Amino acid sequence: MLYGHLNGFPLSALGRAQAAAVGEALRPAGISRIVHSPLDRAAETAEIIAEKLTPRPAFETDAELREAEFSRYLQGIPYWQIPVRRPLWVVHKAKRGLLPGDETIEAMGERVLRVVRRLAREHPDETIAIISHADPLNSAWILLDGRPQNEREMHRSGIGKAGMLELEMDGQTPKAWKYIPPPQVQKPASAAA
């Protein structure tokens, strides 16, 4: 099922294990602040990551890191039913931003990059983790790379669940970035079924 903007859906056992592994991987980075989307699953991810860090980082919620707006139209529907029950999905996939309530790749990516620039300005000497969702993060990566803003690019080099996009900033300007794939974790027994 697509969760979209719905709250009340915690991470799966696999998601919790991946978040813990991300926290372990970030331990040497000296994360001092975690800024996350207001959705429950992003807040839970932030909390699990923070449990692995010492000292405990400051927390901040930023609505700009929210899930893609179009996901409100899709939320609550099993993936396989989307083309039948949500026919405007075809228009969305053909050209994001044409429909009311849909965002272009540029609009989504800019939401995330505005947060990055704000944090670089307000906390220039801190190492900060930002937790958002797949479409906004993929969009930001497309903008950083200067790749074509189309559906193919959204999925060609997509950020996987628990994957990270590491940015090095020069003031408020992204200087370098790289993708770090999701950590390899053993699938928890509760997720194996």
C-alpha atoms as a PDB file:
ATOM      1  CA  MET A   1       0.000   0.000   0.000  1.00  0.00           C
ATOM      2  CA  LEU A   2       1.185   3.519  -0.725  1.00  0.00           C
ATOM      3  CA  TYR A   3       1.339   5.517   2.531  1.00  0.00           C
ATOM      4  CA  GLY A   4       1.742   8.956   0.975  1.00  0.00           C
ATOM      5  CA  HIS A   5       1.061  11.596   3.619  1.00  0.00           C
ATOM      6  CA  LEU A   6      -0.823   9.230   5.939  1.00  0.00           C
ATOM      7  CA  ASN A   7       0.463   9.070   9.488  1.00  0.00           C
ATOM      8  CA  GLY A   8       0.063   6.059  11.728  1.00  0.00           C
ATOM      9  CA  PHE A   9       2.243   3.786   9.594  1.00  0.00           C
ATOM     10  CA  PRO A  10       5.449   2.908  11.423  1.00  0.00           C
ATOM     11  CA  LEU A  11       8.550   1.511   9.785  1.00  0.00           C
ATOM     12  CA  SER A  12       8.617  -2.184   9.007  1.00  0.00           C
ATOM     13  CA  ALA A  13      11.023  -4.468  10.862  1.00  0.00           C
ATOM     14  CA  LEU A  14      13.358  -4.195   7.867  1.00  0.00           C
ATOM     15  CA  GLY A  15      13.040  -0.393   7.882  1.00  0.00           C
ATOM     16  CA  ARG A  16      13.922  -0.262  11.585  1.00  0.00           C
ATOM     17  CA  ALA A  17      16.962  -2.501  10.998  1.00  0.00           C
ATOM     18  CA  GLN A  18      18.079  -0.314   8.082  1.00  0.00           C
ATOM     19  CA  ALA A  19      17.647   2.888  10.128  1.00  0.00           C
ATOM     20  CA  ALA A  20      19.753   1.384  12.941  1.00  0.00           C
ATOM     21  CA  ALA A  21      22.445   0.430  10.409  1.00  0.00           C
ATOM     22  CA  VAL A  22      22.407   3.985   9.002  1.00  0.00           C
ATOM     23  CA  GLY A  23      22.850   5.295  12.544  1.00  0.00           C
ATOM     24  CA  GLU A  24      25.840   3.001  13.035  1.00  0.00           C
ATOM     25  CA  ALA A  25      27.315   4.146   9.709  1.00  0.00           C
ATOM     26  CA  LEU A  26      26.844   7.815  10.662  1.00  0.00           C
ATOM     27  CA  ARG A  27      28.409   7.457  14.121  1.00  0.00           C
ATOM     28  CA  PRO A  28      31.899   8.633  13.037  1.00  0.00           C
ATOM     29  CA  ALA A  29      30.457  11.602  11.072  1.00  0.00           C
ATOM     30  CA  GLY A  30      29.743  13.671  14.188  1.00  0.00           C
ATOM     31  CA  ILE A  31      26.088  14.393  13.361  1.00  0.00           C
ATOM     32  CA  SER A  32      24.945  17.258  15.604  1.00  0.00           C
ATOM     33  CA  ARG A  33      21.443  17.777  14.202  1.00  0.00           C
ATOM     34  CA  ILE A  34      18.776  15.679  12.477  1.00  0.00           C
ATOM     35  CA  VAL A  35      16.138  17.479  10.428  1.00  0.00           C
ATOM     36  CA  HIS A  36      13.246  15.326   9.253  1.00  0.00           C
ATOM     37  CA  SER A  37       9.933  15.315   7.431  1.00  0.00           C
ATOM     38  CA  PRO A  38       6.875  15.659   9.681  1.00  0.00           C
ATOM     39  CA  LEU A  39       5.559  12.217   8.699  1.00  0.00           C
ATOM     40  CA  ASP A  40       5.656   9.487  11.364  1.00  0.00           C
ATOM     41  CA  ARG A  41       7.960   7.170   9.419  1.00  0.00           C
ATOM     42  CA  ALA A  42      10.558   9.932   8.963  1.00  0.00           C
ATOM     43  CA  ALA A  43      10.379  10.890  12.654  1.00  0.00           C
ATOM     44  CA  GLU A  44      10.787   7.225  13.627  1.00  0.00           C
ATOM     45  CA  THR A  45      13.790   6.924  11.307  1.00  0.00           C
ATOM     46  CA  ALA A  46      15.332  10.020  12.917  1.00  0.00           C
ATOM     47  CA  GLU A  47      14.800   8.613  16.402  1.00  0.00           C
ATOM     48  CA  ILE A  48      16.366   5.234  15.559  1.00  0.00           C
ATOM     49  CA  ILE A  49      19.381   6.906  13.938  1.00  0.00           C
ATOM     50  CA  ALA A  50      19.794   9.246  16.934  1.00  0.00           C
ATOM     51  CA  GLU A  51      19.857   6.276  19.330  1.00  0.00           C
ATOM     52  CA  LYS A  52      23.140   5.203  17.704  1.00  0.00           C
ATOM     53  CA  LEU A  53      24.806   8.630  17.973  1.00  0.00           C
ATOM     54  CA  THR A  54      26.738  10.170  20.850  1.00  0.00           C
ATOM     55  CA  PRO A  55      26.197  12.863  21.830  1.00  0.00           C
ATOM     56  CA  ARG A  56      22.507  12.812  20.985  1.00  0.00           C
ATOM     57  CA  PRO A  57      21.838  15.239  18.090  1.00  0.00           C
ATOM     58  CA  ALA A  58      19.325  18.089  18.176  1.00  0.00           C
ATOM     59  CA  PHE A  59      16.030  17.387  16.366  1.00  0.00           C
ATOM     60  CA  GLU A  60      14.108  19.613  13.989  1.00  0.00           C
ATOM     61  CA  THR A  61      11.062  19.017  11.799  1.00  0.00           C
ATOM     62  CA  ASP A  62      10.748  20.809   8.457  1.00  0.00           C
ATOM     63  CA  ALA A  63       7.580  20.526   6.349  1.00  0.00           C
ATOM     64  CA  GLU A  64       9.598  21.184   3.174  1.00  0.00           C
ATOM     65  CA  LEU A  65      10.961  17.636   3.517  1.00  0.00           C
ATOM     66  CA  ARG A  66       7.465  16.140   3.221  1.00  0.00           C
ATOM     67  CA  GLU A  67       6.516  13.406   0.782  1.00  0.00           C
ATOM     68  CA  ALA A  68       5.572  14.269  -2.819  1.00  0.00           C
ATOM     69  CA  GLU A  69       2.253  16.114  -2.997  1.00  0.00           C
ATOM     70  CA  PHE A  70       0.853  13.757  -5.647  1.00  0.00           C
ATOM     71  CA  SER A  71       1.127  10.888  -3.191  1.00  0.00           C
ATOM     72  CA  ARG A  72      -1.962  12.310  -1.424  1.00  0.00           C
ATOM     73  CA  TYR A  73      -3.966  11.175  -4.478  1.00  0.00           C
ATOM     74  CA  LEU A  74      -2.381   7.716  -4.381  1.00  0.00           C
ATOM     75  CA  GLN A  75      -2.263   7.067  -0.647  1.00  0.00           C
ATOM     76  CA  GLY A  76      -4.119   4.135   0.843  1.00  0.00           C
ATOM     77  CA  ILE A  77      -4.173   2.156  -2.411  1.00  0.00           C
ATOM     78  CA  PRO A  78      -2.254  -1.096  -2.955  1.00  0.00           C
ATOM     79  CA  TYR A  79       0.474  -0.595  -5.595  1.00  0.00           C
ATOM     80  CA  TRP A  80      -1.099  -3.017  -8.058  1.00  0.00           C
ATOM     81  CA  GLN A  81      -4.440  -1.143  -7.981  1.00  0.00           C
ATOM     82  CA  ILE A  82      -3.042   2.316  -8.717  1.00  0.00           C
ATOM     83  CA  PRO A  83      -3.444   2.265 -12.552  1.00  0.00           C
ATOM     84  CA  VAL A  84      -7.077   1.165 -12.218  1.00  0.00           C
ATOM     85  CA  ARG A  85      -8.258   3.126  -9.157  1.00  0.00           C
ATOM     86  CA  ARG A  86      -6.148   6.260  -9.693  1.00  0.00           C
ATOM     87  CA  PRO A  87      -6.165   6.841 -13.484  1.00  0.00           C
ATOM     88  CA  LEU A  88      -4.562  10.317 -13.229  1.00  0.00           C
ATOM     89  CA  TRP A  89      -1.397   8.460 -12.216  1.00  0.00           C
ATOM     90  CA  VAL A  90      -0.761   7.922 -15.955  1.00  0.00           C
ATOM     91  CA  VAL A  91      -0.723  11.703 -16.552  1.00  0.00           C
ATOM     92  CA  HIS A  92       1.534  12.176 -13.526  1.00  0.00           C
ATOM     93  CA  LYS A  93       3.996   9.595 -14.857  1.00  0.00           C
ATOM     94  CA  ALA A  94       3.944  11.152 -18.336  1.00  0.00           C
ATOM     95  CA  LYS A  95       4.703  14.691 -17.088  1.00  0.00           C
ATOM     96  CA  ARG A  96       4.903  15.605 -13.419  1.00  0.00           C
ATOM     97  CA  GLY A  97       3.347  18.929 -12.501  1.00  0.00           C
ATOM     98  CA  LEU A  98       0.555  19.006 -15.115  1.00  0.00           C
ATOM     99  CA  LEU A  99      -2.225  18.136 -12.667  1.00  0.00           C
ATOM    100  CA  PRO A 100      -3.490  20.273  -9.779  1.00  0.00           C
ATOM    101  CA  GLY A 101      -1.691  19.214  -6.598  1.00  0.00           C
ATOM    102  CA  ASP A 102       1.178  17.641  -8.519  1.00  0.00           C
ATOM    103  CA  GLU A 103       4.725  19.004  -8.316  1.00  0.00           C
ATOM    104  CA  THR A 104       7.380  19.133 -10.962  1.00  0.00           C
ATOM    105  CA  ILE A 105      10.692  17.423 -10.305  1.00  0.00           C
ATOM    106  CA  GLU A 106      12.214  20.893  -9.986  1.00  0.00           C
ATOM    107  CA  ALA A 107       9.671  21.967  -7.332  1.00  0.00           C
ATOM    108  CA  MET A 108      10.228  18.829  -5.242  1.00  0.00           C
ATOM    109  CA  GLY A 109      13.995  18.951  -5.510  1.00  0.00           C
ATOM    110  CA  GLU A 110      14.094  22.651  -4.692  1.00  0.00           C
ATOM    111  CA  ARG A 111      12.089  22.021  -1.496  1.00  0.00           C
ATOM    112  CA  VAL A 112      14.864  19.741  -0.245  1.00  0.00           C
ATOM    113  CA  LEU A 113      17.688  21.987  -1.470  1.00  0.00           C
ATOM    114  CA  ARG A 114      16.106  25.042   0.237  1.00  0.00           C
ATOM    115  CA  VAL A 115      16.321  23.148   3.526  1.00  0.00           C
ATOM    116  CA  VAL A 116      19.956  22.243   2.811  1.00  0.00           C
ATOM    117  CA  ARG A 117      20.836  25.871   2.035  1.00  0.00           C
ATOM    118  CA  ARG A 118      18.983  27.141   5.116  1.00  0.00           C
ATOM    119  CA  LEU A 119      20.797  24.685   7.366  1.00  0.00           C
ATOM    120  CA  ALA A 120      24.163  25.550   5.805  1.00  0.00           C
ATOM    121  CA  ARG A 121      23.440  29.233   6.510  1.00  0.00           C
ATOM    122  CA  GLU A 122      22.104  28.746  10.059  1.00  0.00           C
ATOM    123  CA  HIS A 123      24.521  26.000  11.167  1.00  0.00           C
ATOM    124  CA  PRO A 124      27.642  26.419   9.006  1.00  0.00           C
ATOM    125  CA  ASP A 125      29.967  24.311  11.149  1.00  0.00           C
ATOM    126  CA  GLU A 126      27.619  21.397  11.843  1.00  0.00           C
ATOM    127  CA  THR A 127      27.274  18.005  10.205  1.00  0.00           C
ATOM    128  CA  ILE A 128      23.543  17.469   9.726  1.00  0.00           C
ATOM    129  CA  ALA A 129      21.415  14.499   8.665  1.00  0.00           C
ATOM    130  CA  ILE A 130      18.275  15.271   6.682  1.00  0.00           C
ATOM    131  CA  ILE A 131      15.496  12.686   6.436  1.00  0.00           C
ATOM    132  CA  SER A 132      12.968  13.002   3.638  1.00  0.00           C
ATOM    133  CA  HIS A 133      11.277  10.633   1.159  1.00  0.00           C
ATOM    134  CA  ALA A 134      12.228   8.954  -2.121  1.00  0.00           C
ATOM    135  CA  ASP A 135      10.670  11.321  -4.696  1.00  0.00           C
ATOM    136  CA  PRO A 136      11.863  14.594  -3.106  1.00  0.00           C
ATOM    137  CA  LEU A 137      15.369  13.178  -2.552  1.00  0.00           C
ATOM    138  CA  ASN A 138      15.568  11.737  -6.076  1.00  0.00           C
ATOM    139  CA  SER A 139      14.418  15.109  -7.427  1.00  0.00           C
ATOM    140  CA  ALA A 140      17.119  16.948  -5.480  1.00  0.00           C
ATOM    141  CA  TRP A 141      19.744  14.534  -6.824  1.00  0.00           C
ATOM    142  CA  ILE A 142      18.536  15.131 -10.396  1.00  0.00           C
ATOM    143  CA  LEU A 143      18.842  18.903  -9.900  1.00  0.00           C
ATOM    144  CA  LEU A 144      22.313  18.579  -8.384  1.00  0.00           C
ATOM    145  CA  ASP A 145      23.499  16.433 -11.296  1.00  0.00           C
ATOM    146  CA  GLY A 146      21.789  18.640 -13.899  1.00  0.00           C
ATOM    147  CA  ARG A 147      20.117  15.561 -15.379  1.00  0.00           C
ATOM    148  CA  PRO A 148      16.919  15.741 -17.477  1.00  0.00           C
ATOM    149  CA  GLN A 149      13.837  16.228 -15.322  1.00  0.00           C
ATOM    150  CA  ASN A 150      11.791  13.225 -16.422  1.00  0.00           C
ATOM    151  CA  GLU A 151      10.362   9.995 -15.074  1.00  0.00           C
ATOM    152  CA  ARG A 152      13.178   7.893 -16.484  1.00  0.00           C
ATOM    153  CA  GLU A 153      15.712   9.823 -14.426  1.00  0.00           C
ATOM    154  CA  MET A 154      13.550   9.542 -11.299  1.00  0.00           C
ATOM    155  CA  HIS A 155      14.043   5.779 -11.378  1.00  0.00           C
ATOM    156  CA  ARG A 156      17.297   5.284 -13.299  1.00  0.00           C
ATOM    157  CA  SER A 157      19.462   6.256 -10.338  1.00  0.00           C
ATOM    158  CA  GLY A 158      16.918   6.312  -7.556  1.00  0.00           C
ATOM    159  CA  ILE A 159      17.778   6.607  -3.886  1.00  0.00           C
ATOM    160  CA  GLY A 160      16.830   3.320  -2.241  1.00  0.00           C
ATOM    161  CA  LYS A 161      15.076   3.079   1.112  1.00  0.00           C
ATOM    162  CA  ALA A 162      17.756   3.876   3.727  1.00  0.00           C
ATOM    163  CA  GLY A 163      20.091   5.103   0.980  1.00  0.00           C
ATOM    164  CA  MET A 164      21.909   8.381   1.546  1.00  0.00           C
ATOM    165  CA  LEU A 165      22.877  11.329  -0.587  1.00  0.00           C
ATOM    166  CA  GLU A 166      25.937  12.919   1.015  1.00  0.00           C
ATOM    167  CA  LEU A 167      26.463  16.629   0.269  1.00  0.00           C
ATOM    168  CA  GLU A 168      29.502  18.730   0.948  1.00  0.00           C
ATOM    169  CA  MET A 169      28.650  22.418   1.055  1.00  0.00           C
ATOM    170  CA  ASP A 170      30.722  25.499   0.257  1.00  0.00           C
ATOM    171  CA  GLY A 171      28.692  28.073   2.153  1.00  0.00           C
ATOM    172  CA  GLN A 172      25.194  27.621   0.779  1.00  0.00           C
ATOM    173  CA  THR A 173      26.350  26.029  -2.479  1.00  0.00           C
ATOM    174  CA  PRO A 174      26.582  22.259  -2.926  1.00  0.00           C
ATOM    175  CA  LYS A 175      30.237  21.571  -3.733  1.00  0.00           C
ATOM    176  CA  ALA A 176      30.256  17.764  -4.029  1.00  0.00           C
ATOM    177  CA  TRP A 177      27.763  14.963  -3.566  1.00  0.00           C
ATOM    178  CA  LYS A 178      27.685  11.203  -3.733  1.00  0.00           C
ATOM    179  CA  TYR A 179      25.171   8.447  -3.306  1.00  0.00           C
ATOM    180  CA  ILE A 180      25.661   5.884  -0.558  1.00  0.00           C
ATOM    181  CA  PRO A 181      23.516   2.762  -1.113  1.00  0.00           C
ATOM    182  CA  PRO A 182      21.343   1.338   1.678  1.00  0.00           C
ATOM    183  CA  PRO A 183      23.275  -0.644   4.276  1.00  0.00           C
ATOM    184  CA  GLN A 184      23.170  -4.412   3.940  1.00  0.00           C
ATOM    185  CA  VAL A 185      21.172  -5.796   6.835  1.00  0.00           C
ATOM    186  CA  GLN A 186      19.891  -9.255   7.552  1.00  0.00           C
ATOM    187  CA  LYS A 187      16.169  -9.360   6.937  1.00  0.00           C
ATOM    188  CA  PRO A 188      14.470  -9.603  10.359  1.00  0.00           C
ATOM    189  CA  ALA A 189      12.437 -12.754  10.943  1.00  0.00           C
ATOM    190  CA  SER A 190       9.249 -10.680  11.238  1.00  0.00           C
ATOM    191  CA  ALA A 191       9.879  -9.301   7.717  1.00  0.00           C
ATOM    192  CA  ALA A 192      10.608 -12.659   6.106  1.00  0.00           C
ATOM    193  CA  ALA A 193       6.974 -13.733   5.823  1.00  0.00           C
END
